[in-house]
Amino acid sequence: MEIQLYEDKYRDDIIFMVLQAKDALGRLPRINEDLLDIKKNYFDRGDKFWIALDDNDRVIGCGGYSRIERTNEAFIHRLYVKASEKRKGIGSALLETIEAEMRGNGISVARVHLGAPREQWFESYSFYPKHGYAEYEPRYMMKEL
């Protein structure tokens, strides 16, 4: 597995992987607007987005962050791992990459917005606390970096 910054040539593969990941969780597989133009929604704003690739150069995970204006905080977005590749450390590796870049850019608080109902997002509600995140209000978690 390799983690690298997003490139446009992986756009369709990311969208396909995210839709599959949502479907595997029993969620309605619809695409998030920001994934249709990652360059505009992340890089052009000074934020970052990464992909995890398998040995066949296929996307098996993704995630990024966006800084909260005029603060030292940022939200983590779209941290997904392909259903067949879960529990192999890919999500943790992506999260560690995101957090390291955030620290390097002066961000000291990472936040994440989780979905509802909680039962459909059970993996997220389990994953983030294992990495030091705590719920500070319903559907939101944070970690001091």
N, C-alpha and C. Protein backbone atom coordinates (compact mmCIF):
# COMPACT_ATOMS: atom_id res chain seq x y z
N MET A 1 0.83 -1.18 0.00
CA MET A 1 0.00 0.00 0.00
C MET A 1 0.87 1.24 0.00
N GLU A 2 0.44 2.23 -0.75
CA GLU A 2 1.15 3.50 -0.83
C GLU A 2 0.15 4.63 -0.57
N ILE A 3 0.56 5.60 0.21
CA ILE A 3 -0.27 6.79 0.42
C ILE A 3 0.40 7.95 -0.29
N GLN A 4 -0.39 8.66 -1.08
CA GLN A 4 0.14 9.80 -1.82
C GLN A 4 -0.92 10.89 -1.91
N LEU A 5 -0.48 12.09 -2.22
CA LEU A 5 -1.43 13.17 -2.44
C LEU A 5 -2.28 12.86 -3.66
N TYR A 6 -3.51 13.30 -3.61
CA TYR A 6 -4.46 13.09 -4.70
C TYR A 6 -3.96 13.67 -6.02
N GLU A 7 -4.27 12.96 -7.10
CA GLU A 7 -4.06 13.43 -8.46
C GLU A 7 -5.37 13.23 -9.21
N ASP A 8 -5.68 14.13 -10.15
CA ASP A 8 -6.95 14.07 -10.88
C ASP A 8 -7.19 12.74 -11.59
N LYS A 9 -6.14 12.07 -11.99
CA LYS A 9 -6.33 10.81 -12.72
C LYS A 9 -7.02 9.74 -11.87
N TYR A 10 -7.09 9.93 -10.55
CA TYR A 10 -7.72 8.96 -9.66
C TYR A 10 -9.16 9.34 -9.29
N ARG A 11 -9.68 10.41 -9.87
CA ARG A 11 -11.01 10.92 -9.50
C ARG A 11 -12.10 9.85 -9.58
N ASP A 12 -12.25 9.22 -10.72
CA ASP A 12 -13.31 8.23 -10.89
C ASP A 12 -13.13 7.02 -9.98
N ASP A 13 -11.88 6.62 -9.77
CA ASP A 13 -11.60 5.47 -8.90
C ASP A 13 -11.98 5.80 -7.45
N ILE A 14 -11.73 7.03 -7.01
CA ILE A 14 -12.13 7.45 -5.66
C ILE A 14 -13.65 7.40 -5.53
N ILE A 15 -14.33 7.99 -6.50
CA ILE A 15 -15.80 8.02 -6.45
C ILE A 15 -16.36 6.61 -6.39
N PHE A 16 -15.85 5.72 -7.22
CA PHE A 16 -16.31 4.33 -7.23
C PHE A 16 -16.06 3.68 -5.88
N MET A 17 -14.87 3.88 -5.31
CA MET A 17 -14.52 3.27 -4.03
C MET A 17 -15.42 3.79 -2.91
N VAL A 18 -15.68 5.09 -2.87
CA VAL A 18 -16.52 5.68 -1.83
C VAL A 18 -17.95 5.14 -1.94
N LEU A 19 -18.47 5.07 -3.15
CA LEU A 19 -19.83 4.53 -3.34
C LEU A 19 -19.91 3.08 -2.87
N GLN A 20 -18.89 2.29 -3.17
CA GLN A 20 -18.85 0.89 -2.72
C GLN A 20 -18.77 0.82 -1.19
N ALA A 21 -17.96 1.68 -0.59
CA ALA A 21 -17.80 1.68 0.87
C ALA A 21 -19.12 2.01 1.55
N LYS A 22 -19.85 2.99 1.03
CA LYS A 22 -21.14 3.35 1.60
C LYS A 22 -22.14 2.21 1.44
N ASP A 23 -22.15 1.60 0.26
CA ASP A 23 -23.08 0.49 0.00
C ASP A 23 -22.81 -0.68 0.95
N ALA A 24 -21.54 -0.97 1.20
CA ALA A 24 -21.18 -2.08 2.09
C ALA A 24 -21.66 -1.84 3.52
N LEU A 25 -21.83 -0.57 3.90
CA LEU A 25 -22.32 -0.24 5.24
C LEU A 25 -23.84 -0.15 5.28
N GLY A 26 -24.48 -0.39 4.15
CA GLY A 26 -25.93 -0.31 4.10
C GLY A 26 -26.45 1.11 3.97
N ARG A 27 -25.56 2.02 3.61
CA ARG A 27 -25.97 3.41 3.45
C ARG A 27 -26.28 3.69 1.99
N LEU A 28 -27.10 4.69 1.76
CA LEU A 28 -27.42 5.10 0.41
C LEU A 28 -26.14 5.56 -0.29
N PRO A 29 -25.76 4.90 -1.37
CA PRO A 29 -24.50 5.28 -2.03
C PRO A 29 -24.68 6.51 -2.93
N ARG A 30 -24.50 7.66 -2.31
CA ARG A 30 -24.51 8.91 -3.08
C ARG A 30 -23.15 9.57 -2.89
N ILE A 31 -22.80 10.39 -3.86
CA ILE A 31 -21.46 10.98 -3.83
C ILE A 31 -21.51 12.37 -3.16
N ASN A 32 -20.50 12.67 -2.40
CA ASN A 32 -20.37 13.97 -1.77
C ASN A 32 -19.84 14.96 -2.80
N GLU A 33 -20.45 16.15 -2.85
CA GLU A 33 -20.09 17.17 -3.84
C GLU A 33 -18.59 17.45 -3.90
N ASP A 34 -17.93 17.52 -2.74
CA ASP A 34 -16.52 17.91 -2.73
C ASP A 34 -15.64 16.90 -3.47
N LEU A 35 -16.08 15.66 -3.58
CA LEU A 35 -15.26 14.65 -4.27
C LEU A 35 -15.31 14.80 -5.79
N LEU A 36 -16.26 15.56 -6.29
CA LEU A 36 -16.34 15.76 -7.74
C LEU A 36 -15.24 16.68 -8.26
N ASP A 37 -14.72 17.54 -7.38
CA ASP A 37 -13.62 18.44 -7.75
C ASP A 37 -12.72 18.64 -6.53
N ILE A 38 -11.87 17.67 -6.28
CA ILE A 38 -11.00 17.70 -5.10
C ILE A 38 -10.00 18.85 -5.18
N LYS A 39 -9.49 19.12 -6.37
CA LYS A 39 -8.54 20.22 -6.51
C LYS A 39 -9.16 21.53 -6.03
N LYS A 40 -10.37 21.84 -6.49
CA LYS A 40 -11.04 23.09 -6.12
C LYS A 40 -11.42 23.10 -4.64
N ASN A 41 -11.93 21.99 -4.14
CA ASN A 41 -12.47 21.95 -2.78
C ASN A 41 -11.44 21.72 -1.69
N TYR A 42 -10.23 21.33 -2.07
CA TYR A 42 -9.18 21.11 -1.07
C TYR A 42 -7.92 21.90 -1.42
N PHE A 43 -7.25 21.53 -2.48
CA PHE A 43 -5.94 22.12 -2.77
C PHE A 43 -6.01 23.63 -3.05
N ASP A 44 -7.01 24.07 -3.80
CA ASP A 44 -7.11 25.50 -4.12
C ASP A 44 -7.38 26.34 -2.88
N ARG A 45 -7.85 25.72 -1.81
CA ARG A 45 -8.12 26.43 -0.55
C ARG A 45 -6.95 26.31 0.44
N GLY A 46 -5.88 25.61 0.01
CA GLY A 46 -4.73 25.43 0.89
C GLY A 46 -4.83 24.18 1.75
N ASP A 47 -5.83 23.36 1.50
CA ASP A 47 -6.02 22.12 2.26
C ASP A 47 -5.42 20.96 1.47
N LYS A 48 -5.53 19.74 2.04
CA LYS A 48 -4.92 18.58 1.38
C LYS A 48 -5.88 17.39 1.34
N PHE A 49 -5.58 16.46 0.43
CA PHE A 49 -6.36 15.24 0.27
C PHE A 49 -5.43 14.14 -0.21
N TRP A 50 -5.53 12.96 0.40
CA TRP A 50 -4.66 11.84 0.07
C TRP A 50 -5.47 10.64 -0.41
N ILE A 51 -4.76 9.77 -1.09
CA ILE A 51 -5.33 8.48 -1.48
C ILE A 51 -4.36 7.37 -1.07
N ALA A 52 -4.95 6.22 -0.80
CA ALA A 52 -4.16 5.01 -0.56
C ALA A 52 -4.34 4.14 -1.78
N LEU A 53 -3.24 3.63 -2.30
CA LEU A 53 -3.27 2.82 -3.52
C LEU A 53 -2.78 1.41 -3.22
N ASP A 54 -3.39 0.43 -3.89
CA ASP A 54 -2.91 -0.95 -3.77
C ASP A 54 -1.79 -1.19 -4.78
N ASP A 55 -1.31 -2.40 -4.86
CA ASP A 55 -0.19 -2.72 -5.76
C ASP A 55 -0.56 -2.61 -7.24
N ASN A 56 -1.86 -2.54 -7.54
CA ASN A 56 -2.32 -2.41 -8.92
C ASN A 56 -2.71 -0.97 -9.26
N ASP A 57 -2.28 -0.02 -8.41
CA ASP A 57 -2.53 1.41 -8.62
C ASP A 57 -4.02 1.74 -8.56
N ARG A 58 -4.77 0.99 -7.75
CA ARG A 58 -6.20 1.24 -7.55
C ARG A 58 -6.41 1.87 -6.19
N VAL A 59 -7.37 2.78 -6.10
CA VAL A 59 -7.66 3.47 -4.85
C VAL A 59 -8.34 2.52 -3.87
N ILE A 60 -7.76 2.41 -2.67
CA ILE A 60 -8.34 1.57 -1.62
C ILE A 60 -8.65 2.39 -0.37
N GLY A 61 -8.39 3.68 -0.42
CA GLY A 61 -8.70 4.56 0.70
C GLY A 61 -8.47 6.00 0.33
N CYS A 62 -9.07 6.90 1.12
CA CYS A 62 -8.88 8.32 0.87
C CYS A 62 -9.22 9.11 2.12
N GLY A 63 -8.82 10.36 2.13
CA GLY A 63 -9.14 11.25 3.23
C GLY A 63 -8.42 12.57 3.08
N GLY A 64 -9.00 13.60 3.66
CA GLY A 64 -8.38 14.91 3.59
C GLY A 64 -8.80 15.76 4.76
N TYR A 65 -8.39 17.02 4.70
CA TYR A 65 -8.79 17.95 5.75
C TYR A 65 -9.02 19.33 5.16
N SER A 66 -9.83 20.10 5.87
CA SER A 66 -10.02 21.51 5.53
C SER A 66 -9.92 22.35 6.79
N ARG A 67 -9.09 23.36 6.71
CA ARG A 67 -8.86 24.26 7.85
C ARG A 67 -10.12 25.08 8.10
N ILE A 68 -10.39 25.31 9.39
CA ILE A 68 -11.48 26.20 9.79
C ILE A 68 -10.88 27.60 9.78
N GLU A 69 -11.44 28.48 8.96
CA GLU A 69 -10.87 29.81 8.76
C GLU A 69 -10.61 30.55 10.08
N ARG A 70 -9.47 31.23 10.10
CA ARG A 70 -9.04 32.08 11.22
C ARG A 70 -8.91 31.30 12.54
N THR A 71 -8.59 30.02 12.45
CA THR A 71 -8.36 29.20 13.66
C THR A 71 -7.14 28.32 13.42
N ASN A 72 -6.74 27.60 14.46
CA ASN A 72 -5.68 26.60 14.34
C ASN A 72 -6.32 25.21 14.34
N GLU A 73 -7.53 25.10 13.80
CA GLU A 73 -8.29 23.86 13.78
C GLU A 73 -8.67 23.48 12.35
N ALA A 74 -8.94 22.20 12.15
CA ALA A 74 -9.37 21.71 10.84
C ALA A 74 -10.28 20.51 11.02
N PHE A 75 -11.14 20.32 10.03
CA PHE A 75 -12.00 19.15 9.97
C PHE A 75 -11.39 18.10 9.04
N ILE A 76 -11.42 16.87 9.47
CA ILE A 76 -11.04 15.74 8.63
C ILE A 76 -12.27 15.35 7.83
N HIS A 77 -12.07 15.10 6.54
CA HIS A 77 -13.19 14.76 5.66
C HIS A 77 -12.90 13.51 4.85
N ARG A 78 -13.94 12.81 4.55
CA ARG A 78 -13.97 11.70 3.57
C ARG A 78 -12.93 10.62 3.83
N LEU A 79 -12.76 10.25 5.09
CA LEU A 79 -11.84 9.16 5.41
C LEU A 79 -12.59 7.85 5.17
N TYR A 80 -12.31 7.25 4.03
CA TYR A 80 -12.94 6.00 3.62
C TYR A 80 -11.88 4.96 3.28
N VAL A 81 -12.23 3.71 3.53
CA VAL A 81 -11.40 2.58 3.12
C VAL A 81 -12.31 1.60 2.39
N LYS A 82 -11.81 1.08 1.28
CA LYS A 82 -12.56 0.09 0.50
C LYS A 82 -12.96 -1.07 1.42
N ALA A 83 -14.22 -1.50 1.31
CA ALA A 83 -14.78 -2.51 2.22
C ALA A 83 -13.91 -3.75 2.32
N SER A 84 -13.41 -4.24 1.21
CA SER A 84 -12.62 -5.48 1.22
C SER A 84 -11.22 -5.29 1.79
N GLU A 85 -10.83 -4.03 2.07
CA GLU A 85 -9.48 -3.74 2.56
C GLU A 85 -9.46 -3.25 4.01
N LYS A 86 -10.62 -3.27 4.66
CA LYS A 86 -10.68 -2.77 6.04
C LYS A 86 -9.95 -3.69 7.00
N ARG A 87 -9.55 -3.13 8.13
CA ARG A 87 -8.87 -3.83 9.21
C ARG A 87 -7.46 -4.28 8.80
N LYS A 88 -6.86 -3.49 7.92
CA LYS A 88 -5.48 -3.76 7.49
C LYS A 88 -4.57 -2.58 7.80
N GLY A 89 -5.09 -1.61 8.55
CA GLY A 89 -4.28 -0.46 8.93
C GLY A 89 -4.31 0.70 7.95
N ILE A 90 -5.10 0.59 6.89
CA ILE A 90 -5.14 1.64 5.87
C ILE A 90 -5.75 2.92 6.42
N GLY A 91 -6.87 2.80 7.12
CA GLY A 91 -7.51 3.97 7.71
C GLY A 91 -6.61 4.65 8.72
N SER A 92 -5.95 3.85 9.54
CA SER A 92 -5.02 4.41 10.54
C SER A 92 -3.86 5.12 9.86
N ALA A 93 -3.32 4.53 8.80
CA ALA A 93 -2.21 5.15 8.08
C ALA A 93 -2.64 6.47 7.43
N LEU A 94 -3.83 6.49 6.86
CA LEU A 94 -4.34 7.74 6.28
C LEU A 94 -4.53 8.80 7.37
N LEU A 95 -5.13 8.40 8.49
CA LEU A 95 -5.35 9.35 9.58
C LEU A 95 -4.03 9.90 10.11
N GLU A 96 -3.03 9.06 10.28
CA GLU A 96 -1.72 9.50 10.74
C GLU A 96 -1.09 10.48 9.76
N THR A 97 -1.24 10.22 8.46
CA THR A 97 -0.72 11.11 7.43
C THR A 97 -1.41 12.47 7.50
N ILE A 98 -2.72 12.45 7.62
CA ILE A 98 -3.50 13.69 7.70
C ILE A 98 -3.09 14.49 8.94
N GLU A 99 -3.04 13.82 10.08
CA GLU A 99 -2.70 14.52 11.32
C GLU A 99 -1.28 15.09 11.28
N ALA A 100 -0.34 14.37 10.71
CA ALA A 100 1.04 14.86 10.62
C ALA A 100 1.10 16.12 9.76
N GLU A 101 0.39 16.13 8.65
CA GLU A 101 0.37 17.30 7.77
C GLU A 101 -0.31 18.48 8.47
N MET A 102 -1.37 18.19 9.21
CA MET A 102 -2.06 19.25 9.94
C MET A 102 -1.10 19.89 10.95
N ARG A 103 -0.41 19.05 11.73
CA ARG A 103 0.56 19.57 12.71
C ARG A 103 1.60 20.44 12.01
N GLY A 104 2.11 19.96 10.88
CA GLY A 104 3.12 20.70 10.13
C GLY A 104 2.62 22.03 9.59
N ASN A 105 1.31 22.18 9.49
CA ASN A 105 0.73 23.42 9.00
C ASN A 105 0.13 24.26 10.13
N GLY A 106 0.58 23.99 11.37
CA GLY A 106 0.16 24.81 12.50
C GLY A 106 -1.24 24.52 13.02
N ILE A 107 -1.82 23.42 12.61
CA ILE A 107 -3.14 23.04 13.10
C ILE A 107 -2.95 22.21 14.36
N SER A 108 -3.60 22.61 15.43
CA SER A 108 -3.40 21.92 16.71
C SER A 108 -4.64 21.17 17.19
N VAL A 109 -5.77 21.33 16.49
CA VAL A 109 -6.99 20.62 16.86
C VAL A 109 -7.60 20.01 15.61
N ALA A 110 -7.80 18.70 15.66
CA ALA A 110 -8.47 17.99 14.57
C ALA A 110 -9.90 17.69 15.00
N ARG A 111 -10.82 17.97 14.11
CA ARG A 111 -12.23 17.71 14.37
C ARG A 111 -12.78 16.79 13.29
N VAL A 112 -13.82 16.08 13.64
CA VAL A 112 -14.50 15.23 12.67
C VAL A 112 -16.00 15.29 12.95
N HIS A 113 -16.77 15.37 11.87
CA HIS A 113 -18.23 15.38 11.97
C HIS A 113 -18.71 13.99 11.54
N LEU A 114 -19.43 13.34 12.41
CA LEU A 114 -19.92 12.00 12.13
C LEU A 114 -21.39 12.05 11.74
N GLY A 115 -21.81 11.05 11.02
CA GLY A 115 -23.18 11.03 10.52
C GLY A 115 -24.19 10.52 11.53
N ALA A 116 -25.42 10.61 11.12
CA ALA A 116 -26.54 10.10 11.92
C ALA A 116 -27.46 9.35 10.97
N PRO A 117 -28.11 8.34 11.45
CA PRO A 117 -28.09 7.86 12.82
C PRO A 117 -26.80 7.11 13.14
N ARG A 118 -26.46 7.12 14.40
CA ARG A 118 -25.21 6.53 14.88
C ARG A 118 -25.02 5.09 14.40
N GLU A 119 -26.09 4.32 14.32
CA GLU A 119 -26.00 2.91 13.92
C GLU A 119 -25.44 2.75 12.52
N GLN A 120 -25.69 3.71 11.63
CA GLN A 120 -25.16 3.62 10.27
C GLN A 120 -23.69 4.04 10.20
N TRP A 121 -23.19 4.67 11.24
CA TRP A 121 -21.82 5.18 11.27
C TRP A 121 -21.02 4.49 12.36
N PHE A 122 -21.42 3.28 12.71
CA PHE A 122 -20.82 2.56 13.84
C PHE A 122 -19.31 2.44 13.70
N GLU A 123 -18.81 2.27 12.49
CA GLU A 123 -17.35 2.14 12.31
C GLU A 123 -16.63 3.43 12.71
N SER A 124 -17.16 4.57 12.32
CA SER A 124 -16.54 5.85 12.66
C SER A 124 -16.58 6.10 14.16
N TYR A 125 -17.72 5.77 14.78
CA TYR A 125 -17.86 5.98 16.23
C TYR A 125 -16.92 5.07 17.02
N SER A 126 -16.44 4.02 16.40
CA SER A 126 -15.48 3.12 17.03
C SER A 126 -14.03 3.50 16.65
N PHE A 127 -13.82 3.86 15.40
CA PHE A 127 -12.48 4.14 14.87
C PHE A 127 -11.82 5.35 15.53
N TYR A 128 -12.50 6.48 15.55
CA TYR A 128 -11.87 7.71 16.02
C TYR A 128 -11.46 7.66 17.50
N PRO A 129 -12.30 7.15 18.40
CA PRO A 129 -11.85 7.06 19.81
C PRO A 129 -10.59 6.20 19.98
N LYS A 130 -10.41 5.19 19.15
CA LYS A 130 -9.20 4.37 19.22
C LYS A 130 -7.96 5.18 18.88
N HIS A 131 -8.17 6.32 18.23
CA HIS A 131 -7.06 7.19 17.82
C HIS A 131 -7.02 8.49 18.62
N GLY A 132 -7.67 8.48 19.79
CA GLY A 132 -7.57 9.61 20.69
C GLY A 132 -8.64 10.68 20.56
N TYR A 133 -9.65 10.46 19.74
CA TYR A 133 -10.72 11.43 19.56
C TYR A 133 -11.80 11.22 20.61
N ALA A 134 -12.41 12.33 21.03
CA ALA A 134 -13.49 12.28 22.03
C ALA A 134 -14.67 13.10 21.51
N GLU A 135 -15.85 12.62 21.79
CA GLU A 135 -17.05 13.32 21.38
C GLU A 135 -17.22 14.56 22.26
N TYR A 136 -17.42 15.73 21.64
CA TYR A 136 -17.60 16.96 22.41
C TYR A 136 -19.02 17.50 22.28
N GLU A 137 -19.75 17.00 21.32
CA GLU A 137 -21.18 17.24 21.21
C GLU A 137 -21.70 16.17 20.26
N PRO A 138 -23.01 15.93 20.26
CA PRO A 138 -23.51 14.85 19.42
C PRO A 138 -23.02 14.96 17.96
N ARG A 139 -22.48 13.84 17.47
CA ARG A 139 -22.00 13.70 16.09
C ARG A 139 -20.69 14.43 15.78
N TYR A 140 -20.01 14.95 16.80
CA TYR A 140 -18.73 15.62 16.59
C TYR A 140 -17.69 15.08 17.56
N MET A 141 -16.48 14.84 17.03
CA MET A 141 -15.36 14.42 17.86
C MET A 141 -14.17 15.33 17.56
N MET A 142 -13.24 15.39 18.51
CA MET A 142 -12.05 16.19 18.32
C MET A 142 -10.86 15.57 19.03
N LYS A 143 -9.69 16.02 18.63
CA LYS A 143 -8.44 15.56 19.24
C LYS A 143 -7.46 16.72 19.20
N GLU A 144 -6.76 16.93 20.30
CA GLU A 144 -5.68 17.92 20.30
C GLU A 144 -4.45 17.26 19.72
N LEU A 145 -3.86 17.92 18.74
CA LEU A 145 -2.68 17.36 18.10
C LEU A 145 -1.44 17.86 18.82
